[in-house]
Amino acid sequence: MAKDGVAVTGIDRSAAMLSDLRVRAARARVRITAKRGDMRKVKLGRRFPLVICPFNTALHLYTRADVEAWLARVREHLLPRGELVLDVNMPIVEDLADPPGTSYAMGDVTHPKLGRVRYREVFDYDRVRQISFCSMCFGEELVTPLAHRVFFPQELEALLHYNGFETTALYGDFDRGPLKQDSDVMIFHARRR
C-alpha cells in the first residue's frame, strides 16, 4: 500500500514487530507511520477512510469485551463512510473436535536458529472459551505456543452488528469469491451504521 503512495499508519503492541516494520519500510524506501499500542485502547486523534485488521489479528481478541473495545476504537478512527476490512480463519469443526493433544506432522522446515528440523503442531480446543491452543514444535528443542479465538461466520457478523457496524461484503477467499463450506478464510467488509 505504501509503495502505491497510500499513507499508512501501522499499530502493533510489539516493539519488535514495529522495529521490523521500520526496517522493511526503510529497505523498500516507503514511509509508514508506526505506532506502538493495543488495538483495544489506542487513540490516534484522527480518522481514516480504511482500517484493516489482516492476518488473523482479530483472533487474538479472546473475549467479547476485547472485541467490543477493539470495535469501539475502530469506530472512533473511521471516517463517516470509512470501511473496516478484516480476515480470519474459517473454523473447521472437524479439527476442533479432535481429542486434546492431537499432533499433526507438518514435515521438515528451516528454523532461523535451529537449522533444519522436523516441525509439528499439537492442538487443544477449549470449547467453552472458543480458543484453539497450538504448540508449534520445532524439533524437540523449541515449542512456541499460539492461541487463537475461534469465530464462526454468523457470530462475527452479529458481533459487528451489535457493535454498530453493517457488513457490506463477506468473501471466502482473497479473490472475492463467496464464503462456502470449504473456504479457508472469512473476509469481512463493514461500515459504521
N, C-alpha and C. Protein backbone atom coordinates (compact mmCIF):
# COMPACT_ATOMS: atom_id res chain seq x y z
N MET A 1 0.83 -1.18 0.00
CA MET A 1 0.00 0.00 0.00
C MET A 1 0.87 1.25 0.00
N ALA A 2 1.88 1.26 0.83
CA ALA A 2 2.76 2.42 0.90
C ALA A 2 3.52 2.60 -0.42
N LYS A 3 3.89 1.50 -1.07
CA LYS A 3 4.57 1.60 -2.36
C LYS A 3 3.69 2.23 -3.42
N ASP A 4 2.37 2.11 -3.26
CA ASP A 4 1.42 2.73 -4.19
C ASP A 4 1.09 4.16 -3.79
N GLY A 5 1.78 4.69 -2.79
CA GLY A 5 1.59 6.08 -2.40
C GLY A 5 0.52 6.33 -1.36
N VAL A 6 -0.05 5.25 -0.80
CA VAL A 6 -1.08 5.40 0.22
C VAL A 6 -0.40 5.69 1.56
N ALA A 7 -0.91 6.69 2.29
CA ALA A 7 -0.39 6.97 3.62
C ALA A 7 -0.84 5.85 4.56
N VAL A 8 0.11 5.20 5.20
CA VAL A 8 -0.17 4.04 6.05
C VAL A 8 0.27 4.32 7.47
N THR A 9 -0.62 4.04 8.41
CA THR A 9 -0.29 4.07 9.83
C THR A 9 -0.47 2.66 10.36
N GLY A 10 0.59 2.08 10.90
CA GLY A 10 0.53 0.72 11.44
C GLY A 10 0.59 0.75 12.95
N ILE A 11 -0.22 -0.09 13.57
CA ILE A 11 -0.26 -0.19 15.03
C ILE A 11 0.07 -1.62 15.42
N ASP A 12 0.94 -1.77 16.41
CA ASP A 12 1.24 -3.09 16.94
C ASP A 12 1.61 -2.93 18.40
N ARG A 13 1.32 -3.96 19.15
CA ARG A 13 1.66 -3.96 20.58
C ARG A 13 3.12 -4.32 20.81
N SER A 14 3.72 -4.97 19.82
CA SER A 14 5.07 -5.50 19.95
C SER A 14 6.11 -4.52 19.40
N ALA A 15 7.02 -4.10 20.26
CA ALA A 15 8.11 -3.23 19.83
C ALA A 15 8.97 -3.93 18.77
N ALA A 16 9.18 -5.24 18.92
CA ALA A 16 9.99 -5.98 17.95
C ALA A 16 9.34 -5.98 16.57
N MET A 17 8.02 -6.17 16.52
CA MET A 17 7.32 -6.16 15.23
C MET A 17 7.40 -4.77 14.58
N LEU A 18 7.26 -3.72 15.39
CA LEU A 18 7.35 -2.37 14.85
C LEU A 18 8.75 -2.05 14.35
N SER A 19 9.75 -2.54 15.06
CA SER A 19 11.13 -2.36 14.63
C SER A 19 11.35 -3.05 13.28
N ASP A 20 10.83 -4.26 13.14
CA ASP A 20 10.93 -4.99 11.88
C ASP A 20 10.22 -4.23 10.75
N LEU A 21 9.05 -3.67 11.06
CA LEU A 21 8.32 -2.88 10.07
C LEU A 21 9.14 -1.69 9.61
N ARG A 22 9.76 -0.99 10.55
CA ARG A 22 10.57 0.18 10.19
C ARG A 22 11.75 -0.22 9.30
N VAL A 23 12.38 -1.34 9.59
CA VAL A 23 13.49 -1.82 8.77
C VAL A 23 13.00 -2.14 7.36
N ARG A 24 11.88 -2.87 7.26
CA ARG A 24 11.34 -3.24 5.95
C ARG A 24 10.91 -2.00 5.16
N ALA A 25 10.30 -1.04 5.85
CA ALA A 25 9.88 0.19 5.17
C ALA A 25 11.08 0.96 4.65
N ALA A 26 12.15 1.03 5.45
CA ALA A 26 13.36 1.73 5.00
C ALA A 26 13.97 1.02 3.79
N ARG A 27 14.01 -0.32 3.84
CA ARG A 27 14.54 -1.09 2.70
C ARG A 27 13.73 -0.84 1.44
N ALA A 28 12.42 -0.75 1.60
CA ALA A 28 11.53 -0.55 0.46
C ALA A 28 11.42 0.93 0.06
N ARG A 29 12.06 1.79 0.87
CA ARG A 29 12.04 3.23 0.64
C ARG A 29 10.63 3.79 0.60
N VAL A 30 9.85 3.39 1.60
CA VAL A 30 8.50 3.91 1.76
C VAL A 30 8.36 4.48 3.17
N ARG A 31 7.41 5.37 3.30
CA ARG A 31 7.16 5.98 4.61
C ARG A 31 5.91 5.35 5.21
N ILE A 32 6.07 4.78 6.40
CA ILE A 32 4.96 4.22 7.16
C ILE A 32 5.06 4.77 8.58
N THR A 33 3.96 5.29 9.06
CA THR A 33 3.92 5.74 10.45
C THR A 33 3.63 4.53 11.31
N ALA A 34 4.54 4.22 12.21
CA ALA A 34 4.38 3.04 13.08
C ALA A 34 4.17 3.49 14.52
N LYS A 35 3.07 3.04 15.11
CA LYS A 35 2.73 3.41 16.48
C LYS A 35 2.62 2.15 17.34
N ARG A 36 3.16 2.24 18.53
CA ARG A 36 3.01 1.13 19.47
C ARG A 36 1.72 1.33 20.25
N GLY A 37 0.91 0.28 20.30
CA GLY A 37 -0.32 0.40 21.05
C GLY A 37 -1.14 -0.87 21.01
N ASP A 38 -2.10 -0.93 21.88
CA ASP A 38 -3.04 -2.05 21.98
C ASP A 38 -4.27 -1.67 21.15
N MET A 39 -4.65 -2.51 20.21
CA MET A 39 -5.75 -2.17 19.31
C MET A 39 -7.07 -1.99 20.04
N ARG A 40 -7.16 -2.44 21.27
CA ARG A 40 -8.37 -2.24 22.07
C ARG A 40 -8.39 -0.88 22.75
N LYS A 41 -7.25 -0.20 22.80
CA LYS A 41 -7.14 1.04 23.58
C LYS A 41 -6.58 2.23 22.81
N VAL A 42 -5.93 2.01 21.70
CA VAL A 42 -5.20 3.06 21.00
C VAL A 42 -6.12 4.20 20.57
N LYS A 43 -5.61 5.43 20.72
CA LYS A 43 -6.34 6.63 20.28
C LYS A 43 -5.35 7.48 19.51
N LEU A 44 -5.54 7.58 18.21
CA LEU A 44 -4.59 8.28 17.35
C LEU A 44 -4.97 9.74 17.12
N GLY A 45 -6.20 10.12 17.49
CA GLY A 45 -6.60 11.51 17.33
C GLY A 45 -6.90 11.91 15.90
N ARG A 46 -7.13 10.94 15.03
CA ARG A 46 -7.50 11.23 13.65
C ARG A 46 -8.34 10.09 13.09
N ARG A 47 -8.95 10.35 11.95
CA ARG A 47 -9.82 9.35 11.31
C ARG A 47 -9.25 8.94 9.96
N PHE A 48 -9.63 7.73 9.54
CA PHE A 48 -9.10 7.15 8.33
C PHE A 48 -10.23 6.64 7.43
N PRO A 49 -10.01 6.57 6.13
CA PRO A 49 -11.02 6.01 5.24
C PRO A 49 -11.06 4.48 5.28
N LEU A 50 -9.99 3.88 5.77
CA LEU A 50 -9.90 2.42 5.79
C LEU A 50 -9.12 1.97 7.01
N VAL A 51 -9.66 1.00 7.72
CA VAL A 51 -8.95 0.32 8.81
C VAL A 51 -8.92 -1.15 8.43
N ILE A 52 -7.72 -1.73 8.38
CA ILE A 52 -7.62 -3.15 8.08
C ILE A 52 -7.05 -3.89 9.29
N CYS A 53 -7.52 -5.10 9.45
CA CYS A 53 -7.04 -5.97 10.53
C CYS A 53 -6.72 -7.31 9.86
N PRO A 54 -5.53 -7.42 9.26
CA PRO A 54 -5.20 -8.60 8.45
C PRO A 54 -4.55 -9.73 9.24
N PHE A 55 -4.35 -10.83 8.54
CA PHE A 55 -3.53 -11.95 9.01
C PHE A 55 -4.00 -12.54 10.34
N ASN A 56 -5.30 -12.68 10.52
CA ASN A 56 -5.86 -13.30 11.73
C ASN A 56 -5.62 -12.50 13.01
N THR A 57 -5.28 -11.24 12.90
CA THR A 57 -5.01 -10.44 14.10
C THR A 57 -6.20 -10.43 15.04
N ALA A 58 -7.42 -10.37 14.50
CA ALA A 58 -8.62 -10.33 15.35
C ALA A 58 -8.78 -11.62 16.17
N LEU A 59 -8.07 -12.69 15.78
CA LEU A 59 -8.17 -13.94 16.54
C LEU A 59 -7.43 -13.86 17.88
N HIS A 60 -6.76 -12.74 18.13
CA HIS A 60 -6.11 -12.53 19.42
C HIS A 60 -6.99 -11.70 20.37
N LEU A 61 -8.25 -11.54 20.00
CA LEU A 61 -9.25 -10.92 20.87
C LEU A 61 -10.04 -12.06 21.48
N TYR A 62 -9.73 -12.43 22.71
CA TYR A 62 -10.20 -13.69 23.28
C TYR A 62 -11.57 -13.61 23.95
N THR A 63 -12.03 -12.40 24.27
CA THR A 63 -13.32 -12.27 24.95
C THR A 63 -14.22 -11.30 24.20
N ARG A 64 -15.52 -11.35 24.51
CA ARG A 64 -16.45 -10.40 23.91
C ARG A 64 -16.05 -8.97 24.27
N ALA A 65 -15.61 -8.76 25.51
CA ALA A 65 -15.18 -7.42 25.93
C ALA A 65 -13.99 -6.93 25.10
N ASP A 66 -13.05 -7.84 24.78
CA ASP A 66 -11.92 -7.48 23.91
C ASP A 66 -12.42 -7.03 22.54
N VAL A 67 -13.34 -7.80 21.96
CA VAL A 67 -13.87 -7.47 20.63
C VAL A 67 -14.60 -6.13 20.67
N GLU A 68 -15.42 -5.93 21.69
CA GLU A 68 -16.18 -4.68 21.79
C GLU A 68 -15.26 -3.47 21.97
N ALA A 69 -14.22 -3.60 22.76
CA ALA A 69 -13.27 -2.50 22.95
C ALA A 69 -12.56 -2.18 21.63
N TRP A 70 -12.14 -3.22 20.91
CA TRP A 70 -11.48 -3.03 19.62
C TRP A 70 -12.42 -2.35 18.62
N LEU A 71 -13.65 -2.84 18.51
CA LEU A 71 -14.58 -2.26 17.55
C LEU A 71 -14.92 -0.81 17.91
N ALA A 72 -14.95 -0.48 19.19
CA ALA A 72 -15.17 0.91 19.60
C ALA A 72 -14.02 1.80 19.11
N ARG A 73 -12.78 1.30 19.21
CA ARG A 73 -11.63 2.07 18.72
C ARG A 73 -11.71 2.20 17.19
N VAL A 74 -12.10 1.13 16.50
CA VAL A 74 -12.23 1.20 15.04
C VAL A 74 -13.25 2.26 14.67
N ARG A 75 -14.42 2.25 15.32
CA ARG A 75 -15.47 3.25 15.02
C ARG A 75 -14.93 4.66 15.21
N GLU A 76 -14.18 4.89 16.28
CA GLU A 76 -13.61 6.21 16.54
C GLU A 76 -12.63 6.66 15.46
N HIS A 77 -11.96 5.69 14.84
CA HIS A 77 -10.91 6.03 13.87
C HIS A 77 -11.38 6.03 12.42
N LEU A 78 -12.62 5.65 12.16
CA LEU A 78 -13.13 5.62 10.79
C LEU A 78 -13.80 6.93 10.42
N LEU A 79 -13.56 7.38 9.20
CA LEU A 79 -14.33 8.49 8.64
C LEU A 79 -15.78 8.04 8.50
N PRO A 80 -16.73 8.97 8.38
CA PRO A 80 -18.15 8.57 8.33
C PRO A 80 -18.48 7.46 7.32
N ARG A 81 -17.92 7.46 6.15
CA ARG A 81 -18.17 6.39 5.17
C ARG A 81 -16.99 5.43 5.09
N GLY A 82 -16.13 5.45 6.09
CA GLY A 82 -14.95 4.59 6.11
C GLY A 82 -15.30 3.12 6.23
N GLU A 83 -14.31 2.29 5.95
CA GLU A 83 -14.55 0.85 5.90
C GLU A 83 -13.54 0.10 6.77
N LEU A 84 -14.05 -0.92 7.45
CA LEU A 84 -13.23 -1.88 8.18
C LEU A 84 -13.15 -3.14 7.33
N VAL A 85 -11.94 -3.65 7.14
CA VAL A 85 -11.76 -4.93 6.45
C VAL A 85 -10.91 -5.82 7.35
N LEU A 86 -11.39 -7.03 7.60
CA LEU A 86 -10.63 -7.97 8.42
C LEU A 86 -10.73 -9.36 7.83
N ASP A 87 -9.68 -10.12 8.02
CA ASP A 87 -9.72 -11.52 7.61
C ASP A 87 -9.33 -12.41 8.79
N VAL A 88 -10.06 -13.52 8.89
CA VAL A 88 -9.79 -14.52 9.93
C VAL A 88 -9.99 -15.91 9.33
N ASN A 89 -9.38 -16.89 9.95
CA ASN A 89 -9.56 -18.28 9.52
C ASN A 89 -11.02 -18.69 9.64
N MET A 90 -11.46 -19.49 8.70
CA MET A 90 -12.78 -20.13 8.79
C MET A 90 -12.60 -21.37 9.66
N PRO A 91 -13.39 -21.52 10.72
CA PRO A 91 -13.22 -22.70 11.59
C PRO A 91 -13.56 -23.99 10.86
N ILE A 92 -12.79 -25.01 11.14
CA ILE A 92 -13.05 -26.35 10.61
C ILE A 92 -13.50 -27.19 11.80
N VAL A 93 -14.79 -27.40 11.89
CA VAL A 93 -15.38 -28.05 13.06
C VAL A 93 -14.77 -29.43 13.30
N GLU A 94 -14.47 -30.15 12.25
CA GLU A 94 -13.89 -31.49 12.40
C GLU A 94 -12.54 -31.42 13.13
N ASP A 95 -11.74 -30.40 12.82
CA ASP A 95 -10.45 -30.24 13.50
C ASP A 95 -10.64 -29.85 14.97
N LEU A 96 -11.64 -29.02 15.23
CA LEU A 96 -11.89 -28.60 16.61
C LEU A 96 -12.35 -29.76 17.48
N ALA A 97 -12.94 -30.78 16.84
CA ALA A 97 -13.44 -31.95 17.58
C ALA A 97 -12.36 -32.98 17.88
N ASP A 98 -11.14 -32.77 17.36
CA ASP A 98 -10.05 -33.71 17.65
C ASP A 98 -9.78 -33.79 19.15
N PRO A 99 -9.38 -34.95 19.65
CA PRO A 99 -9.04 -35.06 21.08
C PRO A 99 -7.89 -34.12 21.44
N PRO A 100 -7.88 -33.59 22.66
CA PRO A 100 -6.78 -32.73 23.09
C PRO A 100 -5.45 -33.44 22.91
N GLY A 101 -4.46 -32.68 22.47
CA GLY A 101 -3.13 -33.24 22.27
C GLY A 101 -2.91 -33.86 20.91
N THR A 102 -3.91 -33.75 20.02
CA THR A 102 -3.74 -34.29 18.67
C THR A 102 -2.57 -33.58 18.00
N SER A 103 -1.67 -34.38 17.43
CA SER A 103 -0.45 -33.86 16.84
C SER A 103 -0.49 -34.05 15.32
N TYR A 104 -0.08 -33.02 14.60
CA TYR A 104 -0.01 -33.08 13.14
C TYR A 104 1.43 -32.88 12.72
N ALA A 105 2.00 -33.86 12.03
CA ALA A 105 3.35 -33.72 11.48
C ALA A 105 3.26 -32.86 10.23
N MET A 106 4.05 -31.80 10.19
CA MET A 106 4.00 -30.85 9.09
C MET A 106 5.19 -30.99 8.15
N GLY A 107 6.14 -31.85 8.48
CA GLY A 107 7.33 -32.00 7.64
C GLY A 107 8.51 -31.24 8.19
N ASP A 108 9.57 -31.21 7.43
CA ASP A 108 10.78 -30.52 7.84
C ASP A 108 10.72 -29.06 7.42
N VAL A 109 11.26 -28.19 8.28
CA VAL A 109 11.35 -26.76 8.00
C VAL A 109 12.74 -26.28 8.38
N THR A 110 13.11 -25.13 7.85
CA THR A 110 14.36 -24.50 8.23
C THR A 110 14.05 -23.38 9.22
N HIS A 111 14.48 -23.59 10.46
CA HIS A 111 14.29 -22.60 11.51
C HIS A 111 15.49 -21.66 11.50
N PRO A 112 15.29 -20.35 11.70
CA PRO A 112 16.41 -19.41 11.60
C PRO A 112 17.54 -19.65 12.59
N LYS A 113 17.24 -20.26 13.74
CA LYS A 113 18.30 -20.51 14.74
C LYS A 113 18.67 -21.99 14.86
N LEU A 114 17.70 -22.87 14.61
CA LEU A 114 17.93 -24.31 14.82
C LEU A 114 18.36 -25.03 13.56
N GLY A 115 18.22 -24.38 12.41
CA GLY A 115 18.52 -25.06 11.15
C GLY A 115 17.35 -25.93 10.72
N ARG A 116 17.65 -27.01 10.04
CA ARG A 116 16.62 -27.90 9.51
C ARG A 116 16.10 -28.80 10.64
N VAL A 117 14.80 -28.72 10.91
CA VAL A 117 14.19 -29.50 11.99
C VAL A 117 12.84 -30.05 11.53
N ARG A 118 12.41 -31.08 12.23
CA ARG A 118 11.06 -31.62 12.00
C ARG A 118 10.07 -30.71 12.71
N TYR A 119 9.01 -30.35 12.01
CA TYR A 119 8.02 -29.43 12.56
C TYR A 119 6.68 -30.15 12.71
N ARG A 120 6.05 -29.94 13.88
CA ARG A 120 4.71 -30.49 14.10
C ARG A 120 3.91 -29.51 14.94
N GLU A 121 2.59 -29.65 14.88
CA GLU A 121 1.70 -28.81 15.66
C GLU A 121 0.81 -29.70 16.52
N VAL A 122 0.63 -29.30 17.78
CA VAL A 122 -0.21 -30.03 18.71
C VAL A 122 -1.34 -29.10 19.15
N PHE A 123 -2.58 -29.59 19.03
CA PHE A 123 -3.75 -28.74 19.27
C PHE A 123 -4.56 -29.17 20.48
N ASP A 124 -5.20 -28.17 21.08
CA ASP A 124 -6.17 -28.38 22.15
C ASP A 124 -7.19 -27.26 22.02
N TYR A 125 -8.46 -27.62 21.90
CA TYR A 125 -9.51 -26.63 21.71
C TYR A 125 -10.35 -26.52 22.98
N ASP A 126 -10.43 -25.31 23.51
CA ASP A 126 -11.27 -25.02 24.68
C ASP A 126 -12.65 -24.64 24.15
N ARG A 127 -13.60 -25.57 24.25
CA ARG A 127 -14.93 -25.35 23.68
C ARG A 127 -15.72 -24.28 24.41
N VAL A 128 -15.46 -24.07 25.67
CA VAL A 128 -16.19 -23.06 26.44
C VAL A 128 -15.76 -21.66 26.03
N ARG A 129 -14.45 -21.43 25.96
CA ARG A 129 -13.93 -20.10 25.61
C ARG A 129 -13.74 -19.91 24.11
N GLN A 130 -13.92 -20.98 23.32
CA GLN A 130 -13.71 -20.97 21.87
C GLN A 130 -12.30 -20.49 21.52
N ILE A 131 -11.32 -21.07 22.20
CA ILE A 131 -9.93 -20.74 21.93
C ILE A 131 -9.20 -22.02 21.54
N SER A 132 -8.49 -21.94 20.43
CA SER A 132 -7.67 -23.05 19.95
C SER A 132 -6.23 -22.79 20.37
N PHE A 133 -5.69 -23.70 21.15
CA PHE A 133 -4.31 -23.60 21.59
C PHE A 133 -3.45 -24.51 20.71
N CYS A 134 -2.38 -23.94 20.21
CA CYS A 134 -1.48 -24.70 19.34
C CYS A 134 -0.07 -24.61 19.89
N SER A 135 0.59 -25.73 20.00
CA SER A 135 2.01 -25.76 20.32
C SER A 135 2.75 -26.04 19.02
N MET A 136 3.52 -25.08 18.59
CA MET A 136 4.31 -25.24 17.37
C MET A 136 5.67 -25.80 17.78
N CYS A 137 5.92 -27.04 17.40
CA CYS A 137 7.10 -27.76 17.88
C CYS A 137 8.15 -27.82 16.78
N PHE A 138 9.30 -27.21 17.04
CA PHE A 138 10.43 -27.21 16.12
C PHE A 138 11.45 -28.20 16.65
N GLY A 139 11.44 -29.41 16.09
CA GLY A 139 12.27 -30.48 16.63
C GLY A 139 11.83 -30.76 18.05
N GLU A 140 12.79 -31.14 18.90
CA GLU A 140 12.48 -31.37 20.32
C GLU A 140 12.97 -30.20 21.16
N GLU A 141 13.65 -29.23 20.51
CA GLU A 141 14.31 -28.16 21.24
C GLU A 141 13.42 -26.97 21.55
N LEU A 142 12.44 -26.67 20.69
CA LEU A 142 11.71 -25.42 20.83
C LEU A 142 10.22 -25.64 20.62
N VAL A 143 9.43 -25.14 21.56
CA VAL A 143 7.98 -25.17 21.45
C VAL A 143 7.49 -23.73 21.60
N THR A 144 6.77 -23.27 20.60
CA THR A 144 6.21 -21.92 20.61
C THR A 144 4.70 -22.02 20.73
N PRO A 145 4.12 -21.43 21.79
CA PRO A 145 2.66 -21.50 21.95
C PRO A 145 1.96 -20.44 21.11
N LEU A 146 0.76 -20.77 20.68
CA LEU A 146 -0.08 -19.83 19.93
C LEU A 146 -1.53 -20.10 20.31
N ALA A 147 -2.27 -19.06 20.61
CA ALA A 147 -3.69 -19.20 20.93
C ALA A 147 -4.49 -18.33 19.98
N HIS A 148 -5.53 -18.89 19.41
CA HIS A 148 -6.42 -18.16 18.51
C HIS A 148 -7.86 -18.32 18.96
N ARG A 149 -8.58 -17.23 19.02
CA ARG A 149 -10.02 -17.27 19.26
C ARG A 149 -10.66 -17.83 18.00
N VAL A 150 -11.65 -18.65 18.15
CA VAL A 150 -12.38 -19.21 17.02
C VAL A 150 -13.69 -18.44 16.87
N PHE A 151 -13.87 -17.80 15.72
CA PHE A 151 -15.11 -17.10 15.41
C PHE A 151 -15.82 -17.83 14.29
N PHE A 152 -17.12 -18.03 14.46
CA PHE A 152 -17.94 -18.60 13.39
C PHE A 152 -18.56 -17.47 12.59
N PRO A 153 -18.88 -17.69 11.31
CA PRO A 153 -19.32 -16.60 10.44
C PRO A 153 -20.50 -15.79 10.99
N GLN A 154 -21.56 -16.46 11.42
CA GLN A 154 -22.72 -15.73 11.92
C GLN A 154 -22.41 -15.00 13.23
N GLU A 155 -21.55 -15.59 14.04
CA GLU A 155 -21.15 -14.97 15.30
C GLU A 155 -20.40 -13.67 15.05
N LEU A 156 -19.45 -13.70 14.12
CA LEU A 156 -18.67 -12.49 13.84
C LEU A 156 -19.54 -11.42 13.20
N GLU A 157 -20.46 -11.82 12.33
CA GLU A 157 -21.37 -10.85 11.75
C GLU A 157 -22.25 -10.21 12.84
N ALA A 158 -22.71 -11.00 13.80
CA ALA A 158 -23.52 -10.47 14.91
C ALA A 158 -22.69 -9.53 15.78
N LEU A 159 -21.44 -9.89 16.08
CA LEU A 159 -20.59 -9.01 16.87
C LEU A 159 -20.41 -7.66 16.18
N LEU A 160 -20.20 -7.69 14.87
CA LEU A 160 -20.09 -6.44 14.12
C LEU A 160 -21.39 -5.65 14.23
N HIS A 161 -22.52 -6.32 13.98
CA HIS A 161 -23.82 -5.67 14.01
C HIS A 161 -24.11 -5.01 15.37
N TYR A 162 -23.96 -5.76 16.43
CA TYR A 162 -24.30 -5.25 17.75
C TYR A 162 -23.29 -4.25 18.30
N ASN A 163 -22.21 -4.04 17.54
CA ASN A 163 -21.23 -3.02 17.92
C ASN A 163 -21.21 -1.87 16.92
N GLY A 164 -22.33 -1.70 16.20
CA GLY A 164 -22.51 -0.52 15.38
C GLY A 164 -22.02 -0.60 13.95
N PHE A 165 -21.81 -1.82 13.44
CA PHE A 165 -21.32 -1.98 12.06
C PHE A 165 -22.35 -2.70 11.20
N GLU A 166 -22.27 -2.42 9.91
CA GLU A 166 -23.08 -3.12 8.91
C GLU A 166 -22.10 -3.86 8.01
N THR A 167 -22.28 -5.17 7.87
CA THR A 167 -21.43 -5.94 6.97
C THR A 167 -21.85 -5.62 5.54
N THR A 168 -20.90 -5.13 4.74
CA THR A 168 -21.20 -4.76 3.36
C THR A 168 -20.78 -5.84 2.38
N ALA A 169 -19.85 -6.70 2.79
CA ALA A 169 -19.43 -7.81 1.94
C ALA A 169 -18.77 -8.86 2.82
N LEU A 170 -18.91 -10.11 2.39
CA LEU A 170 -18.27 -11.23 3.08
C LEU A 170 -17.76 -12.19 2.01
N TYR A 171 -16.46 -12.41 2.02
CA TYR A 171 -15.83 -13.25 1.00
C TYR A 171 -15.19 -14.49 1.65
N GLY A 172 -15.01 -15.52 0.82
CA GLY A 172 -14.40 -16.76 1.27
C GLY A 172 -13.01 -16.99 0.73
N ASP A 173 -12.47 -16.00 0.01
CA ASP A 173 -11.09 -16.06 -0.47
C ASP A 173 -10.64 -14.65 -0.83
N PHE A 174 -9.36 -14.51 -1.17
CA PHE A 174 -8.80 -13.19 -1.44
C PHE A 174 -9.05 -12.74 -2.87
N ASP A 175 -9.78 -13.54 -3.65
CA ASP A 175 -10.21 -13.15 -4.99
C ASP A 175 -11.66 -12.70 -5.00
N ARG A 176 -12.22 -12.45 -3.82
CA ARG A 176 -13.61 -12.01 -3.63
C ARG A 176 -14.63 -13.07 -4.02
N GLY A 177 -14.23 -14.33 -3.87
CA GLY A 177 -15.17 -15.42 -4.09
C GLY A 177 -16.11 -15.53 -2.89
N PRO A 178 -17.24 -16.22 -3.07
CA PRO A 178 -18.22 -16.33 -1.99
C PRO A 178 -17.70 -17.19 -0.84
N LEU A 179 -18.22 -16.93 0.35
CA LEU A 179 -17.92 -17.78 1.50
C LEU A 179 -18.66 -19.09 1.30
N LYS A 180 -17.92 -20.20 1.32
CA LYS A 180 -18.51 -21.52 1.06
C LYS A 180 -18.10 -22.49 2.16
N GLN A 181 -18.68 -23.67 2.10
CA GLN A 181 -18.38 -24.72 3.09
C GLN A 181 -16.89 -25.02 3.19
N ASP A 182 -16.18 -24.96 2.07
CA ASP A 182 -14.76 -25.33 2.08
C ASP A 182 -13.82 -24.11 2.10
N SER A 183 -14.34 -22.93 2.39
CA SER A 183 -13.49 -21.73 2.47
C SER A 183 -12.52 -21.86 3.64
N ASP A 184 -11.31 -21.38 3.44
CA ASP A 184 -10.30 -21.37 4.49
C ASP A 184 -10.31 -20.07 5.28
N VAL A 185 -10.89 -19.04 4.70
CA VAL A 185 -10.81 -17.71 5.27
C VAL A 185 -12.17 -17.01 5.16
N MET A 186 -12.41 -16.09 6.08
CA MET A 186 -13.57 -15.21 6.01
C MET A 186 -13.03 -13.78 5.94
N ILE A 187 -13.46 -13.03 4.93
CA ILE A 187 -13.02 -11.66 4.77
C ILE A 187 -14.25 -10.76 4.87
N PHE A 188 -14.33 -10.01 5.96
CA PHE A 188 -15.45 -9.13 6.22
C PHE A 188 -15.11 -7.70 5.80
N HIS A 189 -16.05 -7.06 5.13
CA HIS A 189 -16.00 -5.63 4.87
C HIS A 189 -17.19 -5.05 5.64
N ALA A 190 -16.95 -4.00 6.42
CA ALA A 190 -18.03 -3.44 7.25
C ALA A 190 -17.88 -1.93 7.33
N ARG A 191 -19.02 -1.28 7.51
CA ARG A 191 -19.07 0.17 7.69
C ARG A 191 -19.83 0.49 8.97
N ARG A 192 -19.56 1.65 9.53
CA ARG A 192 -20.32 2.12 10.69
C ARG A 192 -21.77 2.31 10.26
N ARG A 193 -22.69 1.87 11.13
CA ARG A 193 -24.12 2.11 10.84
C ARG A 193 -24.48 3.51 11.26
